[in-house]
């Protein structure tokens, strides 16, 4: 398991990139800000995520 917020964010981003709606919704990456820069300000971060299965492409 990644040990820093930035490494964790990269791993989650890799998992998200496998989703068929990646980049097609406002709540999915890629985001319009630099995640490394945003998370770099913190020593810890809480990540809340859910696995959503889509029956059809949005």
C-alpha atoms as a PDB file:
ATOM      1  CA  UNK A   1       0.000   0.000   0.000  1.00  0.00           C
ATOM      2  CA  UNK A   2       1.390   3.432  -0.896  1.00  0.00           C
ATOM      3  CA  UNK A   3       2.598   5.388   2.115  1.00  0.00           C
ATOM      4  CA  UNK A   4       2.061   9.012   1.116  1.00  0.00           C
ATOM      5  CA  UNK A   5      -0.980  10.914  -0.189  1.00  0.00           C
ATOM      6  CA  UNK A   6       0.727  11.492  -3.547  1.00  0.00           C
ATOM      7  CA  UNK A   7       1.626   7.820  -4.065  1.00  0.00           C
ATOM      8  CA  UNK A   8      -1.868   6.790  -3.027  1.00  0.00           C
ATOM      9  CA  UNK A   9      -3.426   9.300  -5.420  1.00  0.00           C
ATOM     10  CA  UNK A  10      -1.320   7.938  -8.272  1.00  0.00           C
ATOM     11  CA  UNK A  11      -2.427   4.370  -7.515  1.00  0.00           C
ATOM     12  CA  UNK A  12      -6.094   5.401  -7.374  1.00  0.00           C
ATOM     13  CA  UNK A  13      -5.651   7.323 -10.624  1.00  0.00           C
ATOM     14  CA  UNK A  14      -4.274   4.195 -12.280  1.00  0.00           C
ATOM     15  CA  UNK A  15      -7.297   2.207 -11.126  1.00  0.00           C
ATOM     16  CA  UNK A  16      -9.680   4.927 -12.307  1.00  0.00           C
ATOM     17  CA  UNK A  17      -8.040   4.990 -15.733  1.00  0.00           C
ATOM     18  CA  UNK A  18      -9.281   1.424 -16.266  1.00  0.00           C
ATOM     19  CA  UNK A  19     -12.929   2.553 -15.988  1.00  0.00           C
ATOM     20  CA  UNK A  20     -14.917   3.045 -19.217  1.00  0.00           C
ATOM     21  CA  UNK A  21     -16.194   6.458 -18.028  1.00  0.00           C
ATOM     22  CA  UNK A  22     -12.750   7.782 -17.063  1.00  0.00           C
ATOM     23  CA  UNK A  23     -12.585  11.445 -18.049  1.00  0.00           C
ATOM     24  CA  UNK A  24     -16.253  11.580 -19.017  1.00  0.00           C
ATOM     25  CA  UNK A  25     -17.805  12.766 -15.754  1.00  0.00           C
ATOM     26  CA  UNK A  26     -17.104  15.755 -13.501  1.00  0.00           C
ATOM     27  CA  UNK A  27     -16.301  13.582 -10.491  1.00  0.00           C
ATOM     28  CA  UNK A  28     -13.761  11.302 -12.181  1.00  0.00           C
ATOM     29  CA  UNK A  29     -10.146  12.039 -13.026  1.00  0.00           C
ATOM     30  CA  UNK A  30      -8.337  13.463 -14.782  1.00  0.00           C
ATOM     31  CA  UNK A  31      -8.938  16.677 -12.856  1.00  0.00           C
ATOM     32  CA  UNK A  32      -8.302  20.270 -13.892  1.00  0.00           C
ATOM     33  CA  UNK A  33      -5.695  20.717 -11.143  1.00  0.00           C
ATOM     34  CA  UNK A  34      -2.369  19.084 -10.369  1.00  0.00           C
ATOM     35  CA  UNK A  35      -3.086  16.326  -7.843  1.00  0.00           C
ATOM     36  CA  UNK A  36       0.572  16.096  -6.738  1.00  0.00           C
ATOM     37  CA  UNK A  37       0.691  19.828  -6.034  1.00  0.00           C
ATOM     38  CA  UNK A  38      -2.638  19.787  -4.191  1.00  0.00           C
ATOM     39  CA  UNK A  39      -1.792  16.796  -1.991  1.00  0.00           C
ATOM     40  CA  UNK A  40       1.831  17.870  -1.501  1.00  0.00           C
ATOM     41  CA  UNK A  41       0.674  20.408   1.060  1.00  0.00           C
ATOM     42  CA  UNK A  42      -0.447  17.654   3.429  1.00  0.00           C
ATOM     43  CA  UNK A  43       1.235  14.960   5.490  1.00  0.00           C
ATOM     44  CA  UNK A  44      -1.927  12.842   5.585  1.00  0.00           C
ATOM     45  CA  UNK A  45      -5.052  12.536   3.478  1.00  0.00           C
ATOM     46  CA  UNK A  46      -8.265  10.598   3.867  1.00  0.00           C
ATOM     47  CA  UNK A  47      -9.460   8.955   0.700  1.00  0.00           C
ATOM     48  CA  UNK A  48     -13.053   7.910   0.239  1.00  0.00           C
ATOM     49  CA  UNK A  49     -13.710   5.858  -2.857  1.00  0.00           C
ATOM     50  CA  UNK A  50     -16.343   3.545  -4.231  1.00  0.00           C
ATOM     51  CA  UNK A  51     -16.291   0.971  -6.963  1.00  0.00           C
ATOM     52  CA  UNK A  52     -19.184   1.644  -9.311  1.00  0.00           C
ATOM     53  CA  UNK A  53     -20.179  -0.791 -12.022  1.00  0.00           C
ATOM     54  CA  UNK A  54     -21.833   0.765 -15.063  1.00  0.00           C
ATOM     55  CA  UNK A  55     -24.345  -1.284 -17.037  1.00  0.00           C
ATOM     56  CA  UNK A  56     -23.926   1.004 -20.019  1.00  0.00           C
ATOM     57  CA  UNK A  57     -21.566   3.771 -20.990  1.00  0.00           C
ATOM     58  CA  UNK A  58     -22.552   7.232 -19.789  1.00  0.00           C
END
